[in-house]
Protein backbone atom coordinates (compact mmCIF):
# COMPACT_ATOMS: atom_id res chain seq x y z
CA MET A 1 1.49 8.96 -24.97
CA SER A 2 3.50 5.83 -23.38
CA SER A 3 6.13 3.79 -24.93
CA GLN A 4 4.64 0.45 -25.43
CA PRO A 5 6.30 -2.32 -24.41
CA THR A 6 8.15 -5.51 -26.04
CA ASN A 7 8.09 -9.22 -25.40
CA ASN A 8 10.92 -9.61 -27.20
CA PRO A 9 14.07 -10.75 -24.80
CA ALA A 10 16.29 -9.88 -27.59
CA VAL A 11 15.78 -6.19 -27.40
CA ILE A 12 17.59 -4.86 -24.87
CA TYR A 13 16.79 -1.59 -23.49
CA ALA A 14 19.31 0.79 -22.17
CA ALA A 15 17.13 2.40 -19.99
CA GLY A 16 13.85 0.86 -18.96
CA ALA A 17 11.17 -1.15 -16.60
CA VAL A 18 11.39 -5.14 -17.02
CA SER A 19 8.85 -6.92 -15.46
CA ARG A 20 9.61 -10.60 -14.55
CA ASN A 21 7.85 -14.26 -13.77
CA PRO A 22 9.43 -14.08 -9.54
CA ALA A 23 7.98 -17.89 -10.02
CA THR A 24 9.78 -18.96 -13.11
CA ASP A 25 12.43 -16.19 -13.78
CA GLU A 26 10.89 -15.49 -17.27
CA LEU A 27 10.70 -12.30 -19.11
CA ILE A 28 7.77 -11.10 -19.52
CA ALA A 29 7.83 -7.94 -21.10
CA THR A 30 10.34 -4.74 -21.18
CA TYR A 31 9.53 -1.22 -21.03
CA PRO A 32 11.40 1.56 -22.18
CA TYR A 33 11.33 4.54 -20.34
CA GLN A 34 9.19 7.75 -21.77
CA THR A 35 11.50 9.92 -23.45
CA PRO A 36 11.19 13.77 -22.77
CA GLU A 37 8.91 14.11 -25.58
CA GLU A 38 6.80 11.88 -24.35
CA VAL A 39 6.94 12.88 -20.78
CA GLU A 40 6.05 16.48 -21.69
CA ALA A 41 3.35 15.32 -23.97
CA THR A 42 1.81 13.38 -21.07
CA LEU A 43 1.78 15.75 -18.66
CA ARG A 44 0.48 18.19 -21.01
CA ALA A 45 -2.86 15.77 -22.27
CA ASN A 46 -2.78 15.44 -18.09
CA ALA A 47 -3.13 18.81 -17.86
CA THR A 48 -5.59 19.28 -20.32
CA ALA A 49 -8.07 16.55 -18.78
CA PHE A 50 -7.71 17.66 -15.69
CA ARG A 51 -9.15 20.93 -16.84
CA VAL A 52 -12.44 19.15 -18.37
CA TRP A 53 -12.70 16.39 -15.59
CA ARG A 54 -12.51 19.44 -12.82
CA ASP A 55 -15.32 21.12 -14.76
CA THR A 56 -17.64 18.14 -15.35
CA PRO A 57 -20.75 17.60 -12.81
CA MET A 58 -20.00 15.31 -9.31
CA ALA A 59 -23.06 12.87 -11.11
CA GLU A 60 -21.22 12.10 -13.92
CA ARG A 61 -18.12 11.56 -12.26
CA VAL A 62 -20.22 9.14 -10.21
CA ALA A 63 -21.16 7.28 -13.49
CA ALA A 64 -17.88 6.75 -14.68
CA TYR A 65 -17.02 5.14 -11.32
CA HIS A 66 -19.89 2.24 -12.02
CA ARG A 67 -18.07 2.35 -14.68
CA LEU A 68 -14.74 1.62 -13.68
CA ALA A 69 -15.97 -0.89 -11.37
CA ALA A 70 -17.62 -2.93 -13.79
CA THR A 71 -14.73 -2.75 -15.85
CA LEU A 72 -12.56 -3.73 -12.98
CA ARG A 73 -15.02 -6.81 -12.58
CA ASP A 74 -15.10 -7.41 -16.37
CA ARG A 75 -11.34 -7.77 -16.82
CA SER A 76 -11.09 -9.57 -13.17
CA GLU A 77 -9.36 -12.54 -14.48
CA THR A 78 -7.07 -10.60 -16.87
CA LEU A 79 -5.76 -8.18 -13.75
CA ALA A 80 -5.69 -11.43 -11.72
CA ALA A 81 -3.10 -12.76 -13.77
CA ILE A 82 -0.68 -9.68 -14.55
CA ILE A 83 -0.37 -9.77 -10.84
CA THR A 84 0.15 -13.06 -10.20
CA ALA A 85 2.70 -13.19 -13.49
CA GLU A 86 4.41 -9.81 -12.39
CA MET A 87 4.53 -9.99 -8.59
CA GLY A 88 4.05 -13.81 -7.26
CA LYS A 89 0.89 -13.66 -5.79
CA THR A 90 -1.19 -16.11 -5.41
CA ILE A 91 -3.95 -16.43 -7.88
CA GLY A 92 -6.65 -16.57 -5.54
CA ALA A 93 -5.39 -13.40 -3.41
CA ALA A 94 -4.79 -11.69 -6.75
CA ARG A 95 -8.70 -12.06 -7.96
CA ALA A 96 -9.38 -11.10 -4.41
CA GLU A 97 -7.40 -7.80 -5.14
CA VAL A 98 -9.04 -6.63 -8.17
CA GLU A 99 -12.50 -7.06 -6.53
CA LYS A 100 -11.79 -5.46 -2.92
CA SER A 101 -10.08 -2.58 -5.69
CA ALA A 102 -13.67 -2.59 -7.88
CA SER A 103 -15.89 -2.43 -4.33
CA THR A 104 -13.79 0.50 -3.39
CA ILE A 105 -14.71 2.35 -6.62
CA ASP A 106 -18.19 1.23 -5.49
CA TRP A 107 -18.14 2.85 -1.99
CA LEU A 108 -16.70 6.08 -3.36
CA ALA A 109 -19.29 6.16 -5.92
CA GLU A 110 -21.98 5.46 -3.20
CA HIS A 111 -20.27 7.93 -0.35
CA GLY A 112 -17.91 10.27 -1.86
CA PRO A 113 -20.28 13.12 -3.59
CA ALA A 114 -22.08 13.57 0.21
CA ILE A 115 -18.20 13.98 2.09
CA LEU A 116 -17.06 16.12 -1.28
CA ALA A 117 -20.62 18.60 -0.75
CA ASP A 118 -19.93 21.58 0.59
CA GLU A 119 -20.31 22.22 3.79
CA PRO A 120 -21.98 24.83 5.78
CA VAL A 121 -20.39 26.78 8.39
CA SER A 122 -22.68 28.84 11.48
CA VAL A 123 -21.45 32.10 12.14
CA ASP A 124 -22.86 35.12 13.58
CA GLY A 125 -25.25 37.20 12.59
CA ASP A 126 -26.82 36.79 9.13
CA ASP A 127 -23.56 35.69 6.75
CA GLN A 128 -23.43 32.55 5.79
CA VAL A 129 -19.97 30.31 4.88
CA HIS A 130 -19.58 27.32 3.54
CA VAL A 131 -15.96 25.34 2.68
CA SER A 132 -16.27 23.75 -0.67
CA TYR A 133 -13.87 21.07 -1.59
CA LEU A 134 -12.49 21.70 -5.10
CA PRO A 135 -9.73 20.02 -6.84
CA ILE A 136 -6.22 21.32 -7.04
CA GLY A 137 -4.36 19.64 -10.16
CA THR A 138 -2.46 16.31 -11.03
CA ILE A 139 -1.33 14.19 -8.22
CA LEU A 140 1.81 12.52 -8.58
CA ALA A 141 1.38 9.04 -7.18
CA VAL A 142 4.66 6.75 -6.96
CA MET A 143 3.19 3.68 -5.83
CA PRO A 144 4.95 0.08 -5.15
CA TRP A 145 4.96 -3.20 -6.40
CA ASN A 146 3.27 -5.12 -3.33
CA LEU A 147 -0.27 -4.47 -3.95
CA PRO A 148 0.02 -3.54 -7.98
CA ILE A 149 -3.71 -3.12 -8.47
CA TRP A 150 -5.28 -2.24 -5.14
CA GLN A 151 -2.12 0.61 -3.93
CA VAL A 152 -3.35 2.74 -7.22
CA ILE A 153 -6.83 1.91 -7.22
CA ARG A 154 -6.02 2.95 -3.31
CA ALA A 155 -4.49 6.30 -4.29
CA SER A 156 -6.39 7.18 -7.43
CA GLY A 157 -9.93 6.44 -6.64
CA PRO A 158 -10.16 9.35 -3.57
CA ILE A 159 -7.97 11.61 -6.03
CA MET A 160 -10.19 11.27 -8.68
CA LEU A 161 -13.18 11.66 -7.78
CA SER A 162 -12.50 14.94 -5.93
CA GLY A 163 -11.55 16.43 -9.52
CA ASN A 164 -7.69 16.04 -9.80
CA GLY A 165 -5.51 14.06 -12.32
CA PHE A 166 -3.67 11.12 -12.00
CA LEU A 167 -0.26 11.03 -12.87
CA LEU A 168 0.95 7.26 -11.87
CA LYS A 169 4.63 6.48 -11.59
CA HIS A 170 4.27 2.50 -10.93
CA ALA A 171 7.20 0.47 -9.74
CA PRO A 172 9.28 -1.06 -12.77
CA ASN A 173 8.45 -5.06 -11.98
CA VAL A 174 4.76 -4.57 -12.15
CA MET A 175 4.71 -1.68 -15.21
CA GLY A 176 1.90 -4.02 -17.18
CA SER A 177 -0.24 -3.87 -13.80
CA ALA A 178 0.12 0.04 -14.59
CA TYR A 179 -0.69 0.01 -18.30
CA ALA A 180 -3.31 -2.34 -17.49
CA LEU A 181 -5.09 0.28 -15.55
CA GLU A 182 -4.48 3.00 -17.28
CA GLN A 183 -6.80 0.66 -20.21
CA VAL A 184 -9.40 0.24 -17.29
CA TYR A 185 -9.88 3.77 -16.75
CA GLU A 186 -9.79 4.76 -20.40
CA ALA A 187 -12.22 1.59 -21.17
CA ALA A 188 -14.66 3.05 -18.77
CA GLY A 189 -14.87 6.46 -20.22
CA PHE A 190 -12.47 8.64 -18.19
CA PRO A 191 -11.22 11.67 -20.60
CA LYS A 192 -8.46 10.44 -22.16
CA GLY A 193 -4.87 11.59 -20.33
CA LEU A 194 -6.61 11.91 -17.14
CA PHE A 195 -5.36 8.71 -15.73
CA ALA A 196 -1.89 8.47 -17.10
CA ASN A 197 1.53 6.77 -16.88
CA LEU A 198 5.05 8.12 -15.88
CA ASN A 199 7.39 5.40 -17.06
CA ALA A 200 10.56 7.34 -16.42
CA GLY A 201 13.95 7.35 -14.11
CA ASN A 202 14.03 8.91 -10.99
CA ASP A 203 16.12 11.48 -12.38
CA ILE A 204 13.28 12.76 -14.68
CA VAL A 205 10.59 12.08 -11.32
CA ALA A 206 12.79 14.95 -9.75
CA ASP A 207 11.73 17.24 -12.83
CA VAL A 208 8.33 16.18 -13.20
CA ILE A 209 7.69 17.30 -9.76
CA ALA A 210 8.89 20.79 -10.26
CA ASP A 211 6.51 21.12 -12.97
CA PRO A 212 4.09 23.44 -12.44
CA ARG A 213 1.44 21.50 -13.72
CA VAL A 214 1.89 18.77 -10.75
CA ALA A 215 0.11 20.07 -7.52
CA ALA A 216 0.69 17.39 -5.39
CA ILE A 217 2.73 14.02 -4.66
CA THR A 218 1.68 11.06 -3.27
CA LEU A 219 4.23 7.70 -2.36
CA THR A 220 3.66 4.55 -0.68
CA GLY A 221 7.24 3.00 -0.34
CA SER A 222 10.47 2.67 1.55
CA MET A 223 12.11 5.68 3.74
CA ARG A 224 14.61 6.40 2.13
CA ALA A 225 12.30 6.87 -0.98
CA GLY A 226 10.15 9.30 0.93
CA ALA A 227 12.71 11.26 2.48
CA ALA A 228 13.66 12.02 -1.34
CA VAL A 229 10.48 12.45 -3.03
CA ALA A 230 9.17 14.65 0.57
CA SER A 231 12.34 16.84 0.14
CA THR A 232 11.67 17.40 -3.63
CA ALA A 233 8.32 18.54 -3.13
CA ALA A 234 9.37 20.63 -0.25
CA LYS A 235 11.59 22.79 -2.14
CA ALA A 236 8.79 23.05 -4.88
CA LEU A 237 6.44 23.91 -2.19
CA LYS A 238 3.88 21.07 -2.86
CA LYS A 239 2.00 18.96 -0.58
CA SER A 240 3.25 15.49 -0.04
CA LEU A 241 1.57 12.20 1.08
CA LEU A 242 3.94 9.46 2.31
CA GLU A 243 3.26 5.93 3.29
CA LEU A 244 6.45 4.49 4.68
CA GLY A 245 5.89 0.97 5.41
CA GLY A 246 5.69 -0.72 9.19
CA SER A 247 6.69 -3.51 11.18
CA ASP A 248 3.56 -3.89 13.24
CA ALA A 249 3.44 -5.05 16.58
CA PHE A 250 1.08 -8.08 16.97
CA ILE A 251 0.65 -7.94 20.84
CA VAL A 252 -0.81 -11.04 22.29
CA LEU A 253 -1.72 -11.26 26.30
CA ALA A 254 -2.43 -13.94 28.73
CA ASP A 255 -6.73 -13.83 28.75
CA ALA A 256 -6.30 -14.17 24.59
CA SER A 257 -7.59 -16.72 22.87
CA ILE A 258 -4.63 -18.55 21.44
CA ASP A 259 -5.60 -20.72 18.42
CA LEU A 260 -7.51 -17.83 16.91
CA ALA A 261 -4.50 -15.50 17.93
CA VAL A 262 -2.54 -18.08 15.78
CA GLU A 263 -4.68 -18.69 13.10
CA ALA A 264 -4.90 -14.29 12.30
CA GLY A 265 -1.40 -14.55 12.85
CA ILE A 266 -0.17 -16.55 10.60
CA LYS A 267 -2.59 -14.21 8.13
CA ALA A 268 -1.56 -11.52 8.93
CA ARG A 269 2.64 -12.28 8.86
CA PHE A 270 2.69 -14.89 5.89
CA GLY A 271 -0.32 -13.62 3.49
CA ASN A 272 1.32 -12.26 0.16
CA SER A 273 4.31 -13.89 1.28
CA GLY A 274 4.91 -11.12 3.65
CA GLN A 275 4.95 -8.58 1.12
CA VAL A 276 2.82 -5.66 3.09
CA CYS A 277 3.29 -2.59 4.56
CA LEU A 278 0.32 -2.90 6.81
CA ALA A 279 1.24 -6.05 8.11
CA ALA A 280 1.96 -7.89 11.75
CA LYS A 281 5.80 -8.72 11.97
CA ARG A 282 6.74 -7.96 15.52
CA PHE A 283 4.94 -10.72 17.51
CA ILE A 284 5.04 -9.36 20.87
CA LEU A 285 3.86 -12.10 23.15
CA GLU A 286 3.12 -11.97 27.23
CA ARG A 287 5.25 -14.23 29.47
CA PRO A 288 2.11 -17.06 30.52
CA ILE A 289 1.05 -17.59 26.62
CA ALA A 290 4.25 -17.38 24.97
CA ASP A 291 5.23 -20.87 24.63
CA GLU A 292 2.18 -21.86 23.80
CA PHE A 293 1.49 -19.66 20.92
CA THR A 294 4.90 -20.13 19.97
CA ARG A 295 4.51 -23.49 19.69
CA LYS A 296 1.50 -23.78 17.83
CA PHE A 297 2.12 -20.80 15.65
CA VAL A 298 5.42 -22.56 14.40
CA GLU A 299 2.94 -25.78 14.14
CA ALA A 300 0.63 -23.59 11.79
CA ALA A 301 4.11 -21.86 9.72
CA ARG A 302 4.93 -25.35 9.08
CA LYS A 303 2.11 -26.71 7.54
CA LEU A 304 2.47 -23.88 4.71
CA THR A 305 2.31 -24.90 1.36
CA VAL A 306 5.20 -22.56 -0.86
CA GLY A 307 5.14 -23.27 -4.63
CA ASP A 308 3.82 -21.99 -8.26
CA PRO A 309 1.34 -19.35 -7.24
CA GLN A 310 -1.30 -20.11 -10.47
CA ASP A 311 -1.61 -23.42 -8.30
CA PRO A 312 -5.20 -22.67 -5.82
CA SER A 313 -3.86 -24.95 -3.63
CA ILE A 314 -0.66 -23.27 -2.87
CA ALA A 315 -0.77 -20.62 0.25
CA MET A 316 2.94 -19.00 -0.69
CA GLY A 317 4.02 -17.56 -3.96
CA PRO A 318 7.60 -16.40 -4.46
CA MET A 319 9.01 -13.28 -3.25
CA ALA A 320 8.66 -10.33 -5.92
CA ARG A 321 12.33 -9.95 -7.19
CA ASN A 322 15.67 -12.19 -6.03
CA ASP A 323 17.31 -8.58 -4.69
CA LEU A 324 14.54 -8.41 -2.18
CA ARG A 325 15.04 -11.84 -1.31
CA ASP A 326 18.73 -11.47 -0.72
CA GLU A 327 17.99 -8.61 1.23
CA LEU A 328 15.58 -10.55 3.65
CA HIS A 329 17.73 -13.50 3.88
CA ASN A 330 20.45 -11.08 5.13
CA GLN A 331 18.45 -9.61 7.97
CA VAL A 332 17.72 -12.96 8.98
CA GLU A 333 21.27 -14.16 9.04
CA GLN A 334 22.38 -10.85 10.96
CA THR A 335 19.41 -11.52 13.45
CA ILE A 336 20.45 -14.90 13.95
CA ALA A 337 24.38 -13.31 14.37
CA GLN A 338 22.22 -11.11 17.44
CA GLY A 339 21.51 -13.81 19.37
CA ALA A 340 18.15 -14.94 17.70
CA THR A 341 16.83 -18.64 17.35
CA LEU A 342 15.84 -19.97 14.68
CA LEU A 343 12.19 -21.93 14.96
CA LEU A 344 11.27 -22.44 11.67
CA GLY A 345 12.80 -21.73 7.97
CA GLY A 346 15.14 -19.46 7.44
CA HIS A 347 16.66 -20.44 4.09
CA LYS A 348 15.97 -19.49 0.19
CA VAL A 349 14.41 -22.23 -1.74
CA TYR A 350 16.94 -22.82 -4.13
CA GLY A 351 16.05 -23.84 -7.71
CA VAL A 352 14.22 -21.09 -9.97
CA GLY A 353 11.93 -18.76 -8.74
CA ASN A 354 12.28 -16.21 -5.65
CA PHE A 355 11.06 -18.74 -3.16
CA TYR A 356 11.59 -18.10 0.40
CA GLU A 357 10.52 -20.00 3.43
CA PRO A 358 8.27 -19.62 6.15
CA THR A 359 10.27 -18.33 8.74
CA VAL A 360 10.20 -17.87 12.58
CA LEU A 361 12.48 -16.13 14.88
CA ALA A 362 12.36 -16.56 18.64
CA ASP A 363 14.37 -14.97 21.61
CA VAL A 364 14.22 -11.62 19.21
CA ALA A 365 15.16 -8.25 21.38
CA PRO A 366 15.32 -4.06 20.57
CA GLY A 367 18.46 -3.53 18.88
CA MET A 368 18.24 -6.72 16.34
CA THR A 369 17.71 -6.29 12.70
CA ALA A 370 14.16 -8.12 12.62
CA PHE A 371 13.44 -5.87 15.55
CA GLU A 372 14.64 -2.51 14.30
CA GLU A 373 13.70 -2.99 10.37
CA GLU A 374 10.97 -3.35 8.35
CA THR A 375 10.95 -7.32 7.39
CA PHE A 376 9.14 -6.71 3.65
CA GLY A 377 8.83 -11.18 3.44
CA PRO A 378 7.78 -14.49 4.74
CA VAL A 379 9.66 -13.48 8.79
CA ALA A 380 8.03 -13.29 12.13
CA ALA A 381 10.15 -12.15 14.85
CA ILE A 382 8.69 -13.39 18.30
CA THR A 383 9.57 -11.00 21.63
CA VAL A 384 8.36 -12.38 24.76
CA ALA A 385 7.16 -9.43 27.00
CA ASP A 386 7.32 -9.88 31.23
CA ASP A 387 3.60 -8.44 31.41
CA VAL A 388 1.20 -5.62 29.58
CA GLU A 389 3.49 -2.62 30.45
CA HIS A 390 6.10 -4.55 28.82
CA ALA A 391 4.36 -5.54 25.90
CA ILE A 392 3.32 -1.85 24.94
CA GLU A 393 7.19 -0.43 25.93
CA LEU A 394 8.45 -3.21 23.10
CA ALA A 395 5.68 -2.13 20.45
CA ASN A 396 6.41 1.66 20.75
CA THR A 397 9.88 1.18 20.47
CA SER A 398 10.27 1.25 16.66
CA ASP A 399 10.78 4.27 14.04
CA TYR A 400 7.68 2.65 12.30
CA GLY A 401 4.14 3.68 13.34
CA LEU A 402 1.86 2.53 10.82
CA GLY A 403 -0.14 -0.24 12.72
CA GLY A 404 -0.89 -2.87 15.44
CA ASN A 405 -2.48 -5.61 16.34
CA LEU A 406 -3.95 -6.57 19.81
CA TRP A 407 -5.07 -9.51 21.45
CA THR A 408 -7.05 -9.86 24.74
CA ALA A 409 -10.55 -11.46 25.99
CA ASP A 410 -10.74 -7.73 27.84
CA THR A 411 -12.12 -5.43 25.05
CA ALA A 412 -12.26 -2.72 27.42
CA ARG A 413 -8.76 -2.48 28.11
CA ALA A 414 -7.72 -3.53 24.84
CA GLN A 415 -9.54 0.20 24.24
CA ARG A 416 -7.44 2.09 26.67
CA ILE A 417 -4.21 0.18 25.56
CA ALA A 418 -4.73 0.91 21.88
CA ARG A 419 -4.66 4.91 22.76
CA ARG A 420 -1.10 4.24 24.50
CA LEU A 421 -0.05 2.40 21.26
CA GLU A 422 2.16 4.91 18.64
CA THR A 423 -0.02 3.71 15.51
CA GLY A 424 -2.02 4.79 12.54
CA GLY A 425 -4.13 1.92 13.41
CA VAL A 426 -4.94 -0.53 16.08
CA PHE A 427 -6.33 -4.28 15.32
CA ILE A 428 -8.54 -5.87 18.37
CA ASN A 429 -8.63 -9.22 18.15
CA GLY A 430 -8.33 -9.06 14.40
CA PHE A 431 -5.42 -8.38 12.09
CA SER A 432 -4.29 -5.39 10.16
CA ALA A 433 -6.41 -4.92 7.19
CA SER A 434 -7.98 -1.91 5.14
CA ASN A 435 -11.19 -0.88 4.22
CA PRO A 436 -12.74 2.09 2.46
CA ARG A 437 -14.29 3.70 4.95
CA ILE A 438 -11.25 3.69 7.11
CA PRO A 439 -8.34 6.20 7.18
CA VAL A 440 -4.81 4.52 6.08
CA GLY A 441 -2.14 6.02 7.18
CA GLY A 442 1.14 6.00 9.73
CA VAL A 443 3.17 8.22 12.30
CA LYS A 444 6.97 8.63 12.80
CA LYS A 445 9.06 6.85 10.21
CA SER A 446 6.00 5.55 8.55
CA GLY A 447 4.83 8.79 7.19
CA TYR A 448 1.76 11.15 7.22
CA GLY A 449 -1.33 12.30 5.78
CA ARG A 450 -4.31 9.31 5.06
CA GLU A 451 -5.94 7.83 2.12
CA LEU A 452 -9.52 6.29 2.31
CA SER A 453 -12.25 7.11 3.77
CA HIS A 454 -13.79 11.08 4.42
CA PHE A 455 -9.58 12.29 5.43
CA GLY A 456 -8.55 10.26 1.53
CA LEU A 457 -11.43 12.16 -0.18
CA ARG A 458 -10.40 15.31 0.97
CA GLU A 459 -6.82 15.28 1.47
CA PHE A 460 -5.95 16.23 -2.03
CA THR A 461 -8.62 19.05 -1.94
CA ASN A 462 -8.56 22.77 -1.59
CA PRO A 463 -11.08 23.77 1.40
CA GLN A 464 -12.16 26.73 0.01
CA ALA A 465 -14.02 28.75 2.27
CA VAL A 466 -16.51 31.32 0.75
CA TRP A 467 -18.27 33.54 3.10
CA THR A 468 -21.25 35.75 1.98
CA THR A 469 -21.85 38.74 3.34
CA PHE A 470 -25.40 40.46 2.53
CA VAL A 471 -25.71 43.92 1.75
CA ASP A 472 -29.16 46.11 1.50
């Protein structure tokens, strides 16, 4: 059903996905777009598999999920190597991504059946009512490149356990990951075609959204992509779930443990070369500790090693694509021109590969590019707040609302502050993370809907109310 890749550089396709190693710029593979006939065959096979899967007892679905987790672990080294080669994640982090994916499938297998079970509802009289969480069909998932295995598992795990089909439109530069996952699902014994890849251009995606065999759409990506997909879905009267990135605040108050906050802040900003939606980007420091935090943060960032992501000793690999590095560099230069102070980095690493220096900008204020826009790379923007109220105001001065971080010794006060932060999640004395037990999603222009936890398991279901009245 899927176009097969070629790794022959001499073969050039007029339209297709291309995977290149961002550390070496070497061509990995070219994936020609599916023809309209292949797209139709994929949709038809997926619809057929959905009808089988929809009627498969939960116990059998769970057994398939146990096999899926085992298969992910069995192929961990292969999958991690693909991640590192295609998007530049360090090899240790790539292995951790695969394990996180397997652990999430384990959690879904253990807890999903109870969450999706019929839910009784009490009503007056002798009538009986329950709510059944029923599958709705094929879900089209438009996924990003930055976590090429985990993002797909985060979406497909809940969607498929609830009985739906899954059609993946992955980012063009990580199609190797997409096809590897398709093989993982087939090896785990899922119905052939239930997890399927759509390798096509945006014009075809719009047609697929309108296809009656597609019930809903989930997308993780940019605001522009989200607006386009949501608009197309709305015209077809179909539900959409959007996770559109963020510019998370990392607030450090005067009573915080500075050393711990610095350590967490380095991981939160520079992990995966800064290419994470749910990551600290704007560091908002209460004035009494701003100088100390900034000094220690810059010292720690300066020690980060940048290089070959296959080397276990390297802290940061390249950015995923050269155009993304160019865009980030432009944001840095614009912010400096607007009055920010460059404390560290701020340059491309010239030579082979899409490397960028760990960068720290100080004196970043509202209105500046690095404050207003999402910086999707290894750039930390530091802003000083006069007091707690000012810190909250600065944190909420953003179009985004995905996550936030808050460091303080007074956890009771932190709980009160958290309720005033306009985000989908707040992490107190820690940094943003995802866990299958916890919902993930945002507010404002970070999107809508939730993945993971019981919210994600029920997000693409039909909560069907069944009301039985007993008659003599």
